Amino acid sequence: MTLTDNRQATVVRTDRGLSISGTRITLYHIMDYLRAEWHPKLIRRWLDLTEQQISDVMNYISTHRNEVEAEYQSVLQQSEEIRRYWNERNRERIEKIAFSHSDKDPVWMKIQSKKAELAMI
């Protein structure tokens, strides 16, 4: 793991995977931003990291590229499987909700009226 000046590891393994010590930010989260072509300085500001933290993380990713990339792909795959599971599980419910609103429902009509009114402002 990468060490800071006070000799504490910046990158640690937690139950969430590779993370930045003292935060809930995973390296997979950082990888999302890097894949979206965010500059490390922007990532640092967005996630409120220190310069030392982002430097250590970038060095760790560079040094352990294959390991981090393999874990990142695994996380992406698990995330997609979970998304598909819940989409399928909730499909009927979502369709029922979508079709349950009608022009005869007074609450629905009031909401639509208010939406139209606010759109004019």
PDB file of N, CA and C in Angstrom:
ATOM      1  N   MET A   1       0.832  -1.173   0.000  1.00  0.00           N
ATOM      2  CA  MET A   1       0.000   0.000   0.000  1.00  0.00           C
ATOM      3  C   MET A   1       0.884   1.247   0.000  1.00  0.00           C
ATOM      4  N   THR A   2       0.365   2.353  -0.482  1.00  0.00           N
ATOM      5  CA  THR A   2       1.125   3.579  -0.589  1.00  0.00           C
ATOM      6  C   THR A   2       1.171   4.282   0.765  1.00  0.00           C
ATOM      7  N   LEU A   3       2.337   4.803   1.139  1.00  0.00           N
ATOM      8  CA  LEU A   3       2.502   5.470   2.425  1.00  0.00           C
ATOM      9  C   LEU A   3       2.528   6.977   2.251  1.00  0.00           C
ATOM     10  N   THR A   4       1.954   7.687   3.219  1.00  0.00           N
ATOM     11  CA  THR A   4       2.055   9.142   3.255  1.00  0.00           C
ATOM     12  C   THR A   4       3.275   9.504   4.085  1.00  0.00           C
ATOM     13  N   ASP A   5       3.527  10.825   4.261  1.00  0.00           N
ATOM     14  CA  ASP A   5       4.688  11.279   5.025  1.00  0.00           C
ATOM     15  C   ASP A   5       4.663  10.780   6.471  1.00  0.00           C
ATOM     16  N   ASN A   6       3.493  10.629   7.065  1.00  0.00           N
ATOM     17  CA  ASN A   6       3.425  10.173   8.450  1.00  0.00           C
ATOM     18  C   ASN A   6       3.407   8.648   8.528  1.00  0.00           C
ATOM     19  N   ARG A   7       3.720   7.983   7.449  1.00  0.00           N
ATOM     20  CA  ARG A   7       3.916   6.535   7.360  1.00  0.00           C
ATOM     21  C   ARG A   7       2.626   5.739   7.521  1.00  0.00           C
ATOM     22  N   GLN A   8       1.491   6.346   7.304  1.00  0.00           N
ATOM     23  CA  GLN A   8       0.234   5.601   7.277  1.00  0.00           C
ATOM     24  C   GLN A   8      -0.105   5.316   5.823  1.00  0.00           C
ATOM     25  N   ALA A   9      -0.650   4.146   5.580  1.00  0.00           N
ATOM     26  CA  ALA A   9      -1.013   3.779   4.211  1.00  0.00           C
ATOM     27  C   ALA A   9      -2.151   4.658   3.719  1.00  0.00           C
ATOM     28  N   THR A  10      -2.013   5.184   2.505  1.00  0.00           N
ATOM     29  CA  THR A  10      -3.082   5.964   1.892  1.00  0.00           C
ATOM     30  C   THR A  10      -4.099   5.027   1.258  1.00  0.00           C
ATOM     31  N   VAL A  11      -3.610   4.003   0.586  1.00  0.00           N
ATOM     32  CA  VAL A  11      -4.492   3.021  -0.057  1.00  0.00           C
ATOM     33  C   VAL A  11      -4.528   1.790   0.840  1.00  0.00           C
ATOM     34  N   VAL A  12      -5.737   1.444   1.280  1.00  0.00           N
ATOM     35  CA  VAL A  12      -5.911   0.293   2.173  1.00  0.00           C
ATOM     36  C   VAL A  12      -7.002  -0.609   1.619  1.00  0.00           C
ATOM     37  N   ARG A  13      -6.981  -1.858   2.021  1.00  0.00           N
ATOM     38  CA  ARG A  13      -8.034  -2.787   1.624  1.00  0.00           C
ATOM     39  C   ARG A  13      -9.057  -2.850   2.752  1.00  0.00           C
ATOM     40  N   THR A  14     -10.314  -2.552   2.411  1.00  0.00           N
ATOM     41  CA  THR A  14     -11.407  -2.605   3.376  1.00  0.00           C
ATOM     42  C   THR A  14     -12.433  -3.612   2.872  1.00  0.00           C
ATOM     43  N   ASP A  15     -13.555  -3.698   3.570  1.00  0.00           N
ATOM     44  CA  ASP A  15     -14.611  -4.599   3.118  1.00  0.00           C
ATOM     45  C   ASP A  15     -15.215  -4.132   1.795  1.00  0.00           C
ATOM     46  N   ARG A  16     -15.004  -2.879   1.427  1.00  0.00           N
ATOM     47  CA  ARG A  16     -15.471  -2.355   0.134  1.00  0.00           C
ATOM     48  C   ARG A  16     -14.443  -2.562  -0.964  1.00  0.00           C
ATOM     49  N   GLY A  17     -13.250  -3.016  -0.607  1.00  0.00           N
ATOM     50  CA  GLY A  17     -12.176  -3.180  -1.576  1.00  0.00           C
ATOM     51  C   GLY A  17     -11.087  -2.154  -1.340  1.00  0.00           C
ATOM     52  N   LEU A  18     -10.302  -1.850  -2.364  1.00  0.00           N
ATOM     53  CA  LEU A  18      -9.228  -0.865  -2.235  1.00  0.00           C
ATOM     54  C   LEU A  18      -9.834   0.513  -2.021  1.00  0.00           C
ATOM     55  N   SER A  19      -9.448   1.152  -0.923  1.00  0.00           N
ATOM     56  CA  SER A  19     -10.030   2.431  -0.528  1.00  0.00           C
ATOM     57  C   SER A  19      -8.947   3.409  -0.113  1.00  0.00           C
ATOM     58  N   ILE A  20      -9.334   4.678  -0.031  1.00  0.00           N
ATOM     59  CA  ILE A  20      -8.440   5.713   0.474  1.00  0.00           C
ATOM     60  C   ILE A  20      -8.629   5.754   1.985  1.00  0.00           C
ATOM     61  N   SER A  21      -7.545   5.572   2.711  1.00  0.00           N
ATOM     62  CA  SER A  21      -7.583   5.512   4.160  1.00  0.00           C
ATOM     63  C   SER A  21      -8.294   6.732   4.747  1.00  0.00           C
ATOM     64  N   GLY A  22      -9.179   6.468   5.714  1.00  0.00           N
ATOM     65  CA  GLY A  22      -9.892   7.550   6.393  1.00  0.00           C
ATOM     66  C   GLY A  22     -11.076   8.092   5.630  1.00  0.00           C
ATOM     67  N   THR A  23     -11.394   7.474   4.485  1.00  0.00           N
ATOM     68  CA  THR A  23     -12.544   7.916   3.684  1.00  0.00           C
ATOM     69  C   THR A  23     -13.368   6.694   3.308  1.00  0.00           C
ATOM     70  N   ARG A  24     -14.501   6.940   2.688  1.00  0.00           N
ATOM     71  CA  ARG A  24     -15.313   5.859   2.135  1.00  0.00           C
ATOM     72  C   ARG A  24     -15.123   5.778   0.613  1.00  0.00           C
ATOM     73  N   ILE A  25     -14.114   6.442   0.113  1.00  0.00           N
ATOM     74  CA  ILE A  25     -13.861   6.513  -1.329  1.00  0.00           C
ATOM     75  C   ILE A  25     -13.018   5.314  -1.757  1.00  0.00           C
ATOM     76  N   THR A  26     -13.535   4.562  -2.714  1.00  0.00           N
ATOM     77  CA  THR A  26     -12.786   3.415  -3.234  1.00  0.00           C
ATOM     78  C   THR A  26     -11.977   3.837  -4.453  1.00  0.00           C
ATOM     79  N   LEU A  27     -10.980   3.031  -4.759  1.00  0.00           N
ATOM     80  CA  LEU A  27     -10.202   3.285  -5.967  1.00  0.00           C
ATOM     81  C   LEU A  27     -11.048   3.056  -7.217  1.00  0.00           C
ATOM     82  N   TYR A  28     -12.098   2.246  -7.091  1.00  0.00           N
ATOM     83  CA  TYR A  28     -12.994   1.998  -8.214  1.00  0.00           C
ATOM     84  C   TYR A  28     -13.775   3.272  -8.544  1.00  0.00           C
ATOM     85  N   HIS A  29     -14.078   4.044  -7.509  1.00  0.00           N
ATOM     86  CA  HIS A  29     -14.726   5.334  -7.698  1.00  0.00           C
ATOM     87  C   HIS A  29     -13.783   6.261  -8.464  1.00  0.00           C
ATOM     88  N   ILE A  30     -12.529   6.273  -8.059  1.00  0.00           N
ATOM     89  CA  ILE A  30     -11.513   7.077  -8.760  1.00  0.00           C
ATOM     90  C   ILE A  30     -11.384   6.603 -10.208  1.00  0.00           C
ATOM     91  N   MET A  31     -11.410   5.285 -10.412  1.00  0.00           N
ATOM     92  CA  MET A  31     -11.301   4.731 -11.759  1.00  0.00           C
ATOM     93  C   MET A  31     -12.463   5.193 -12.643  1.00  0.00           C
ATOM     94  N   ASP A  32     -13.662   5.315 -12.063  1.00  0.00           N
ATOM     95  CA  ASP A  32     -14.808   5.829 -12.830  1.00  0.00           C
ATOM     96  C   ASP A  32     -14.484   7.212 -13.391  1.00  0.00           C
ATOM     97  N   TYR A  33     -13.936   8.069 -12.540  1.00  0.00           N
ATOM     98  CA  TYR A  33     -13.593   9.423 -12.987  1.00  0.00           C
ATOM     99  C   TYR A  33     -12.463   9.412 -14.013  1.00  0.00           C
ATOM    100  N   LEU A  34     -11.482   8.574 -13.790  1.00  0.00           N
ATOM    101  CA  LEU A  34     -10.379   8.489 -14.752  1.00  0.00           C
ATOM    102  C   LEU A  34     -10.875   7.994 -16.105  1.00  0.00           C
ATOM    103  N   ARG A  35     -11.789   7.026 -16.096  1.00  0.00           N
ATOM    104  CA  ARG A  35     -12.375   6.528 -17.353  1.00  0.00           C
ATOM    105  C   ARG A  35     -13.172   7.616 -18.069  1.00  0.00           C
ATOM    106  N   ALA A  36     -13.750   8.525 -17.272  1.00  0.00           N
ATOM    107  CA  ALA A  36     -14.499   9.643 -17.853  1.00  0.00           C
ATOM    108  C   ALA A  36     -13.569  10.788 -18.249  1.00  0.00           C
ATOM    109  N   GLU A  37     -12.255  10.540 -18.146  1.00  0.00           N
ATOM    110  CA  GLU A  37     -11.206  11.471 -18.547  1.00  0.00           C
ATOM    111  C   GLU A  37     -11.154  12.731 -17.689  1.00  0.00           C
ATOM    112  N   TRP A  38     -11.469  12.587 -16.405  1.00  0.00           N
ATOM    113  CA  TRP A  38     -11.306  13.691 -15.467  1.00  0.00           C
ATOM    114  C   TRP A  38      -9.829  13.807 -15.128  1.00  0.00           C
ATOM    115  N   HIS A  39      -9.352  15.011 -14.989  1.00  0.00           N
ATOM    116  CA  HIS A  39      -7.976  15.261 -14.571  1.00  0.00           C
ATOM    117  C   HIS A  39      -7.872  14.980 -13.070  1.00  0.00           C
ATOM    118  N   PRO A  40      -6.752  14.419 -12.608  1.00  0.00           N
ATOM    119  CA  PRO A  40      -6.602  14.128 -11.175  1.00  0.00           C
ATOM    120  C   PRO A  40      -6.846  15.330 -10.261  1.00  0.00           C
ATOM    121  N   LYS A  41      -6.476  16.544 -10.710  1.00  0.00           N
ATOM    122  CA  LYS A  41      -6.723  17.736  -9.883  1.00  0.00           C
ATOM    123  C   LYS A  41      -8.220  17.973  -9.699  1.00  0.00           C
ATOM    124  N   LEU A  42      -8.996  17.727 -10.741  1.00  0.00           N
ATOM    125  CA  LEU A  42     -10.443  17.889 -10.647  1.00  0.00           C
ATOM    126  C   LEU A  42     -11.032  16.818  -9.726  1.00  0.00           C
ATOM    127  N   ILE A  43     -10.548  15.601  -9.843  1.00  0.00           N
ATOM    128  CA  ILE A  43     -10.996  14.513  -8.955  1.00  0.00           C
ATOM    129  C   ILE A  43     -10.684  14.879  -7.519  1.00  0.00           C
ATOM    130  N   ARG A  44      -9.481  15.374  -7.284  1.00  0.00           N
ATOM    131  CA  ARG A  44      -9.059  15.762  -5.940  1.00  0.00           C
ATOM    132  C   ARG A  44      -9.999  16.800  -5.348  1.00  0.00           C
ATOM    133  N   ARG A  45     -10.314  17.834  -6.128  1.00  0.00           N
ATOM    134  CA  ARG A  45     -11.215  18.882  -5.631  1.00  0.00           C
ATOM    135  C   ARG A  45     -12.632  18.357  -5.436  1.00  0.00           C
ATOM    136  N   TRP A  46     -13.108  17.563  -6.383  1.00  0.00           N
ATOM    137  CA  TRP A  46     -14.477  17.049  -6.326  1.00  0.00           C
ATOM    138  C   TRP A  46     -14.693  16.148  -5.103  1.00  0.00           C
ATOM    139  N   LEU A  47     -13.690  15.326  -4.801  1.00  0.00           N
ATOM    140  CA  LEU A  47     -13.810  14.374  -3.698  1.00  0.00           C
ATOM    141  C   LEU A  47     -13.185  14.885  -2.400  1.00  0.00           C
ATOM    142  N   ASP A  48     -12.716  16.135  -2.416  1.00  0.00           N
ATOM    143  CA  ASP A  48     -12.128  16.766  -1.235  1.00  0.00           C
ATOM    144  C   ASP A  48     -10.961  15.947  -0.678  1.00  0.00           C
ATOM    145  N   LEU A  49     -10.036  15.597  -1.564  1.00  0.00           N
ATOM    146  CA  LEU A  49      -8.847  14.855  -1.165  1.00  0.00           C
ATOM    147  C   LEU A  49      -7.666  15.821  -1.055  1.00  0.00           C
ATOM    148  N   THR A  50      -6.654  15.409  -0.336  1.00  0.00           N
ATOM    149  CA  THR A  50      -5.434  16.214  -0.275  1.00  0.00           C
ATOM    150  C   THR A  50      -4.590  15.916  -1.503  1.00  0.00           C
ATOM    151  N   GLU A  51      -3.633  16.788  -1.752  1.00  0.00           N
ATOM    152  CA  GLU A  51      -2.725  16.540  -2.876  1.00  0.00           C
ATOM    153  C   GLU A  51      -1.948  15.246  -2.660  1.00  0.00           C
ATOM    154  N   GLN A  52      -1.579  14.979  -1.407  1.00  0.00           N
ATOM    155  CA  GLN A  52      -0.846  13.762  -1.086  1.00  0.00           C
ATOM    156  C   GLN A  52      -1.706  12.533  -1.366  1.00  0.00           C
ATOM    157  N   GLN A  53      -2.989  12.590  -0.995  1.00  0.00           N
ATOM    158  CA  GLN A  53      -3.877  11.445  -1.218  1.00  0.00           C
ATOM    159  C   GLN A  53      -4.023  11.138  -2.699  1.00  0.00           C
ATOM    160  N   ILE A  54      -4.306  12.157  -3.515  1.00  0.00           N
ATOM    161  CA  ILE A  54      -4.516  11.900  -4.939  1.00  0.00           C
ATOM    162  C   ILE A  54      -3.208  11.456  -5.589  1.00  0.00           C
ATOM    163  N   SER A  55      -2.086  12.018  -5.133  1.00  0.00           N
ATOM    164  CA  SER A  55      -0.785  11.610  -5.667  1.00  0.00           C
ATOM    165  C   SER A  55      -0.510  10.143  -5.334  1.00  0.00           C
ATOM    166  N   ASP A  56      -0.761   9.761  -4.083  1.00  0.00           N
ATOM    167  CA  ASP A  56      -0.550   8.369  -3.672  1.00  0.00           C
ATOM    168  C   ASP A  56      -1.465   7.419  -4.428  1.00  0.00           C
ATOM    169  N   VAL A  57      -2.720   7.820  -4.608  1.00  0.00           N
ATOM    170  CA  VAL A  57      -3.679   6.974  -5.319  1.00  0.00           C
ATOM    171  C   VAL A  57      -3.258   6.799  -6.774  1.00  0.00           C
ATOM    172  N   MET A  58      -2.879   7.880  -7.427  1.00  0.00           N
ATOM    173  CA  MET A  58      -2.463   7.790  -8.822  1.00  0.00           C
ATOM    174  C   MET A  58      -1.207   6.926  -8.956  1.00  0.00           C
ATOM    175  N   ASN A  59      -0.279   7.059  -8.020  1.00  0.00           N
ATOM    176  CA  ASN A  59       0.929   6.217  -8.036  1.00  0.00           C
ATOM    177  C   ASN A  59       0.561   4.753  -7.812  1.00  0.00           C
ATOM    178  N   TYR A  60      -0.354   4.503  -6.888  1.00  0.00           N
ATOM    179  CA  TYR A  60      -0.766   3.128  -6.612  1.00  0.00           C
ATOM    180  C   TYR A  60      -1.416   2.506  -7.844  1.00  0.00           C
ATOM    181  N   ILE A  61      -2.319   3.249  -8.467  1.00  0.00           N
ATOM    182  CA  ILE A  61      -2.996   2.737  -9.667  1.00  0.00           C
ATOM    183  C   ILE A  61      -1.971   2.461 -10.769  1.00  0.00           C
ATOM    184  N   SER A  62      -1.029   3.368 -10.930  1.00  0.00           N
ATOM    185  CA  SER A  62      -0.008   3.191 -11.965  1.00  0.00           C
ATOM    186  C   SER A  62       0.876   1.972 -11.672  1.00  0.00           C
ATOM    187  N   THR A  63       1.274   1.818 -10.427  1.00  0.00           N
ATOM    188  CA  THR A  63       2.160   0.722 -10.035  1.00  0.00           C
ATOM    189  C   THR A  63       1.464  -0.637 -10.085  1.00  0.00           C
ATOM    190  N   HIS A  64       0.191  -0.663  -9.704  1.00  0.00           N
ATOM    191  CA  HIS A  64      -0.567  -1.916  -9.616  1.00  0.00           C
ATOM    192  C   HIS A  64      -1.687  -1.953 -10.657  1.00  0.00           C
ATOM    193  N   ARG A  65      -1.426  -1.443 -11.835  1.00  0.00           N
ATOM    194  CA  ARG A  65      -2.431  -1.277 -12.882  1.00  0.00           C
ATOM    195  C   ARG A  65      -3.238  -2.550 -13.148  1.00  0.00           C
ATOM    196  N   ASN A  66      -2.576  -3.682 -13.335  1.00  0.00           N
ATOM    197  CA  ASN A  66      -3.276  -4.929 -13.668  1.00  0.00           C
ATOM    198  C   ASN A  66      -4.216  -5.371 -12.548  1.00  0.00           C
ATOM    199  N   GLU A  67      -3.727  -5.321 -11.315  1.00  0.00           N
ATOM    200  CA  GLU A  67      -4.547  -5.722 -10.161  1.00  0.00           C
ATOM    201  C   GLU A  67      -5.764  -4.801 -10.011  1.00  0.00           C
ATOM    202  N   VAL A  68      -5.532  -3.497 -10.058  1.00  0.00           N
ATOM    203  CA  VAL A  68      -6.623  -2.525  -9.893  1.00  0.00           C
ATOM    204  C   VAL A  68      -7.625  -2.661 -11.032  1.00  0.00           C
ATOM    205  N   GLU A  69      -7.138  -2.796 -12.237  1.00  0.00           N
ATOM    206  CA  GLU A  69      -8.019  -2.923 -13.405  1.00  0.00           C
ATOM    207  C   GLU A  69      -8.867  -4.186 -13.318  1.00  0.00           C
ATOM    208  N   ALA A  70      -8.273  -5.295 -12.901  1.00  0.00           N
ATOM    209  CA  ALA A  70      -9.026  -6.550 -12.774  1.00  0.00           C
ATOM    210  C   ALA A  70     -10.115  -6.419 -11.714  1.00  0.00           C
ATOM    211  N   GLU A  71      -9.788  -5.830 -10.571  1.00  0.00           N
ATOM    212  CA  GLU A  71     -10.795  -5.639  -9.517  1.00  0.00           C
ATOM    213  C   GLU A  71     -11.875  -4.673  -9.972  1.00  0.00           C
ATOM    214  N   TYR A  72     -11.475  -3.628 -10.678  1.00  0.00           N
ATOM    215  CA  TYR A  72     -12.431  -2.637 -11.186  1.00  0.00           C
ATOM    216  C   TYR A  72     -13.424  -3.296 -12.149  1.00  0.00           C
ATOM    217  N   GLN A  73     -12.934  -4.130 -13.050  1.00  0.00           N
ATOM    218  CA  GLN A  73     -13.820  -4.826 -13.984  1.00  0.00           C
ATOM    219  C   GLN A  73     -14.780  -5.745 -13.238  1.00  0.00           C
ATOM    220  N   SER A  74     -14.294  -6.398 -12.194  1.00  0.00           N
ATOM    221  CA  SER A  74     -15.143  -7.261 -11.375  1.00  0.00           C
ATOM    222  C   SER A  74     -16.237  -6.450 -10.684  1.00  0.00           C
ATOM    223  N   VAL A  75     -15.882  -5.291 -10.156  1.00  0.00           N
ATOM    224  CA  VAL A  75     -16.860  -4.409  -9.500  1.00  0.00           C
ATOM    225  C   VAL A  75     -17.900  -3.946 -10.510  1.00  0.00           C
ATOM    226  N   LEU A  76     -17.474  -3.569 -11.706  1.00  0.00           N
ATOM    227  CA  LEU A  76     -18.415  -3.142 -12.744  1.00  0.00           C
ATOM    228  C   LEU A  76     -19.382  -4.268 -13.111  1.00  0.00           C
ATOM    229  N   GLN A  77     -18.863  -5.474 -13.223  1.00  0.00           N
ATOM    230  CA  GLN A  77     -19.698  -6.626 -13.567  1.00  0.00           C
ATOM    231  C   GLN A  77     -20.717  -6.900 -12.459  1.00  0.00           C
ATOM    232  N   GLN A  78     -20.273  -6.880 -11.220  1.00  0.00           N
ATOM    233  CA  GLN A  78     -21.192  -7.101 -10.097  1.00  0.00           C
ATOM    234  C   GLN A  78     -22.266  -6.023 -10.058  1.00  0.00           C
ATOM    235  N   SER A  79     -21.865  -4.794 -10.287  1.00  0.00           N
ATOM    236  CA  SER A  79     -22.807  -3.677 -10.285  1.00  0.00           C
ATOM    237  C   SER A  79     -23.868  -3.852 -11.370  1.00  0.00           C
ATOM    238  N   GLU A  80     -23.443  -4.261 -12.550  1.00  0.00           N
ATOM    239  CA  GLU A  80     -24.380  -4.484 -13.654  1.00  0.00           C
ATOM    240  C   GLU A  80     -25.328  -5.634 -13.338  1.00  0.00           C
ATOM    241  N   GLU A  81     -24.821  -6.713 -12.745  1.00  0.00           N
ATOM    242  CA  GLU A  81     -25.679  -7.845 -12.370  1.00  0.00           C
ATOM    243  C   GLU A  81     -26.716  -7.421 -11.340  1.00  0.00           C
ATOM    244  N   ILE A  82     -26.329  -6.612 -10.370  1.00  0.00           N
ATOM    245  CA  ILE A  82     -27.261  -6.123  -9.351  1.00  0.00           C
ATOM    246  C   ILE A  82     -28.314  -5.221  -9.997  1.00  0.00           C
ATOM    247  N   ARG A  83     -27.883  -4.331 -10.889  1.00  0.00           N
ATOM    248  CA  ARG A  83     -28.824  -3.436 -11.577  1.00  0.00           C
ATOM    249  C   ARG A  83     -29.853  -4.233 -12.368  1.00  0.00           C
ATOM    250  N   ARG A  84     -29.376  -5.240 -13.116  1.00  0.00           N
ATOM    251  CA  ARG A  84     -30.303  -6.071 -13.902  1.00  0.00           C
ATOM    252  C   ARG A  84     -31.270  -6.820 -13.000  1.00  0.00           C
ATOM    253  N   TYR A  85     -30.779  -7.359 -11.902  1.00  0.00           N
ATOM    254  CA  TYR A  85     -31.632  -8.087 -10.953  1.00  0.00           C
ATOM    255  C   TYR A  85     -32.769  -7.200 -10.454  1.00  0.00           C
ATOM    256  N   TRP A  86     -32.420  -5.987  -9.989  1.00  0.00           N
ATOM    257  CA  TRP A  86     -33.453  -5.112  -9.433  1.00  0.00           C
ATOM    258  C   TRP A  86     -34.386  -4.559 -10.511  1.00  0.00           C
ATOM    259  N   ASN A  87     -33.861  -4.304 -11.698  1.00  0.00           N
ATOM    260  CA  ASN A  87     -34.746  -3.879 -12.792  1.00  0.00           C
ATOM    261  C   ASN A  87     -35.782  -4.956 -13.092  1.00  0.00           C
ATOM    262  N   GLU A  88     -35.339  -6.194 -13.178  1.00  0.00           N
ATOM    263  CA  GLU A  88     -36.258  -7.304 -13.451  1.00  0.00           C
ATOM    264  C   GLU A  88     -37.230  -7.501 -12.287  1.00  0.00           C
ATOM    265  N   ARG A  89     -36.711  -7.449 -11.094  1.00  0.00           N
ATOM    266  CA  ARG A  89     -37.552  -7.684  -9.918  1.00  0.00           C
ATOM    267  C   ARG A  89     -38.624  -6.610  -9.770  1.00  0.00           C
ATOM    268  N   ASN A  90     -38.308  -5.381 -10.158  1.00  0.00           N
ATOM    269  CA  ASN A  90     -39.246  -4.272  -9.981  1.00  0.00           C
ATOM    270  C   ASN A  90     -40.009  -3.907 -11.250  1.00  0.00           C
ATOM    271  N   ARG A  91     -39.798  -4.649 -12.337  1.00  0.00           N
ATOM    272  CA  ARG A  91     -40.433  -4.310 -13.612  1.00  0.00           C
ATOM    273  C   ARG A  91     -41.958  -4.199 -13.491  1.00  0.00           C
ATOM    274  N   GLU A  92     -42.582  -5.223 -12.927  1.00  0.00           N
ATOM    275  CA  GLU A  92     -44.043  -5.210 -12.809  1.00  0.00           C
ATOM    276  C   GLU A  92     -44.512  -4.045 -11.940  1.00  0.00           C
ATOM    277  N   ARG A  93     -43.816  -3.810 -10.870  1.00  0.00           N
ATOM    278  CA  ARG A  93     -44.186  -2.724  -9.964  1.00  0.00           C
ATOM    279  C   ARG A  93     -44.082  -1.366 -10.660  1.00  0.00           C
ATOM    280  N   ILE A  94     -43.008  -1.156 -11.392  1.00  0.00           N
ATOM    281  CA  ILE A  94     -42.809   0.107 -12.105  1.00  0.00           C
ATOM    282  C   ILE A  94     -43.896   0.295 -13.163  1.00  0.00           C
ATOM    283  N   GLU A  95     -44.200  -0.771 -13.900  1.00  0.00           N
ATOM    284  CA  GLU A  95     -45.263  -0.683 -14.910  1.00  0.00           C
ATOM    285  C   GLU A  95     -46.606  -0.392 -14.260  1.00  0.00           C
ATOM    286  N   LYS A  96     -46.886  -1.033 -13.136  1.00  0.00           N
ATOM    287  CA  LYS A  96     -48.145  -0.813 -12.425  1.00  0.00           C
ATOM    288  C   LYS A  96     -48.264   0.640 -11.965  1.00  0.00           C
ATOM    289  N   ILE A  97     -47.175   1.171 -11.439  1.00  0.00           N
ATOM    290  CA  ILE A  97     -47.181   2.562 -10.999  1.00  0.00           C
ATOM    291  C   ILE A  97     -47.385   3.494 -12.183  1.00  0.00           C
ATOM    292  N   ALA A  98     -46.709   3.219 -13.281  1.00  0.00           N
ATOM    293  CA  ALA A  98     -46.814   4.074 -14.461  1.00  0.00           C
ATOM    294  C   ALA A  98     -48.228   4.107 -15.013  1.00  0.00           C
ATOM    295  N   PHE A  99     -48.921   2.978 -14.968  1.00  0.00           N
ATOM    296  CA  PHE A  99     -50.262   2.913 -15.523  1.00  0.00           C
ATOM    297  C   PHE A  99     -51.358   3.210 -14.500  1.00  0.00           C
ATOM    298  N   SER A 100     -50.987   3.355 -13.236  1.00  0.00           N
ATOM    299  CA  SER A 100     -52.007   3.574 -12.209  1.00  0.00           C
ATOM    300  C   SER A 100     -52.532   5.005 -12.216  1.00  0.00           C
ATOM    301  N   HIS A 101     -51.805   5.910 -12.803  1.00  0.00           N
ATOM    302  CA  HIS A 101     -52.240   7.301 -12.841  1.00  0.00           C
ATOM    303  C   HIS A 101     -53.141   7.530 -14.050  1.00  0.00           C
ATOM    304  N   SER A 102     -54.232   8.178 -13.787  1.00  0.00           N
ATOM    305  CA  SER A 102     -55.143   8.468 -14.887  1.00  0.00           C
ATOM    306  C   SER A 102     -55.695   9.874 -14.735  1.00  0.00           C
ATOM    307  N   ASP A 103     -56.357  10.324 -15.773  1.00  0.00           N
ATOM    308  CA  ASP A 103     -56.952  11.658 -15.750  1.00  0.00           C
ATOM    309  C   ASP A 103     -58.121  11.736 -14.769  1.00  0.00           C
ATOM    310  N   LYS A 104     -58.573  10.610 -14.281  1.00  0.00           N
ATOM    311  CA  LYS A 104     -59.696  10.594 -13.348  1.00  0.00           C
ATOM    312  C   LYS A 104     -59.228  10.648 -11.892  1.00  0.00           C
ATOM    313  N   ASP A 105     -57.957  10.474 -11.668  1.00  0.00           N
ATOM    314  CA  ASP A 105     -57.413  10.515 -10.315  1.00  0.00           C
ATOM    315  C   ASP A 105     -57.221  11.983  -9.923  1.00  0.00           C
ATOM    316  N   PRO A 106     -57.961  12.475  -8.907  1.00  0.00           N
ATOM    317  CA  PRO A 106     -57.888  13.904  -8.556  1.00  0.00           C
ATOM    318  C   PRO A 106     -56.496  14.347  -8.089  1.00  0.00           C
ATOM    319  N   VAL A 107     -55.810  13.503  -7.376  1.00  0.00           N
ATOM    320  CA  VAL A 107     -54.463  13.863  -6.921  1.00  0.00           C
ATOM    321  C   VAL A 107     -53.527  13.979  -8.120  1.00  0.00           C
ATOM    322  N   TRP A 108     -53.613  13.023  -9.030  1.00  0.00           N
ATOM    323  CA  TRP A 108     -52.796  13.048 -10.242  1.00  0.00           C
ATOM    324  C   TRP A 108     -53.082  14.307 -11.059  1.00  0.00           C
ATOM    325  N   MET A 109     -54.345  14.640 -11.183  1.00  0.00           N
ATOM    326  CA  MET A 109     -54.732  15.830 -11.951  1.00  0.00           C
ATOM    327  C   MET A 109     -54.183  17.100 -11.284  1.00  0.00           C
ATOM    328  N   LYS A 110     -54.239  17.152  -9.966  1.00  0.00           N
ATOM    329  CA  LYS A 110     -53.733  18.320  -9.247  1.00  0.00           C
ATOM    330  C   LYS A 110     -52.219  18.463  -9.454  1.00  0.00           C
ATOM    331  N   ILE A 111     -51.499  17.351  -9.395  1.00  0.00           N
ATOM    332  CA  ILE A 111     -50.052  17.381  -9.615  1.00  0.00           C
ATOM    333  C   ILE A 111     -49.738  17.849 -11.031  1.00  0.00           C
ATOM    334  N   GLN A 112     -50.472  17.317 -12.012  1.00  0.00           N
ATOM    335  CA  GLN A 112     -50.245  17.718 -13.403  1.00  0.00           C
ATOM    336  C   GLN A 112     -50.542  19.201 -13.601  1.00  0.00           C
ATOM    337  N   SER A 113     -51.595  19.679 -12.954  1.00  0.00           N
ATOM    338  CA  SER A 113     -51.957  21.086 -13.049  1.00  0.00           C
ATOM    339  C   SER A 113     -50.856  21.961 -12.456  1.00  0.00           C
ATOM    340  N   LYS A 114     -50.337  21.561 -11.311  1.00  0.00           N
ATOM    341  CA  LYS A 114     -49.277  22.334 -10.658  1.00  0.00           C
ATOM    342  C   LYS A 114     -48.004  22.308 -11.503  1.00  0.00           C
ATOM    343  N   LYS A 115     -47.691  21.169 -12.110  1.00  0.00           N
ATOM    344  CA  LYS A 115     -46.528  21.071 -12.990  1.00  0.00           C
ATOM    345  C   LYS A 115     -46.677  22.039 -14.161  1.00  0.00           C
ATOM    346  N   ALA A 116     -47.846  22.069 -14.751  1.00  0.00           N
ATOM    347  CA  ALA A 116     -48.092  22.959 -15.886  1.00  0.00           C
ATOM    348  C   ALA A 116     -47.973  24.419 -15.449  1.00  0.00           C
ATOM    349  N   GLU A 117     -48.511  24.731 -14.290  1.00  0.00           N
ATOM    350  CA  GLU A 117     -48.451  26.097 -13.774  1.00  0.00           C
ATOM    351  C   GLU A 117     -47.002  26.524 -13.531  1.00  0.00           C
ATOM    352  N   LEU A 118     -46.219  25.649 -12.937  1.00  0.00           N
ATOM    353  CA  LEU A 118     -44.820  25.975 -12.642  1.00  0.00           C
ATOM    354  C   LEU A 118     -43.986  26.097 -13.920  1.00  0.00           C
ATOM    355  N   ALA A 119     -44.348  25.354 -14.930  1.00  0.00           N
ATOM    356  CA  ALA A 119     -43.613  25.425 -16.190  1.00  0.00           C
ATOM    357  C   ALA A 119     -43.798  26.775 -16.859  1.00  0.00           C
ATOM    358  N   MET A 120     -44.926  27.444 -16.590  1.00  0.00           N
ATOM    359  CA  MET A 120     -45.196  28.745 -17.202  1.00  0.00           C
ATOM    360  C   MET A 120     -44.446  29.866 -16.505  1.00  0.00           C
ATOM    361  N   ILE A 121     -44.025  29.640 -15.276  1.00  0.00           N
ATOM    362  CA  ILE A 121     -43.367  30.708 -14.505  1.00  0.00           C
ATOM    363  C   ILE A 121     -41.968  30.927 -14.998  1.00  0.00           C
TER     364      ILE A 121
END
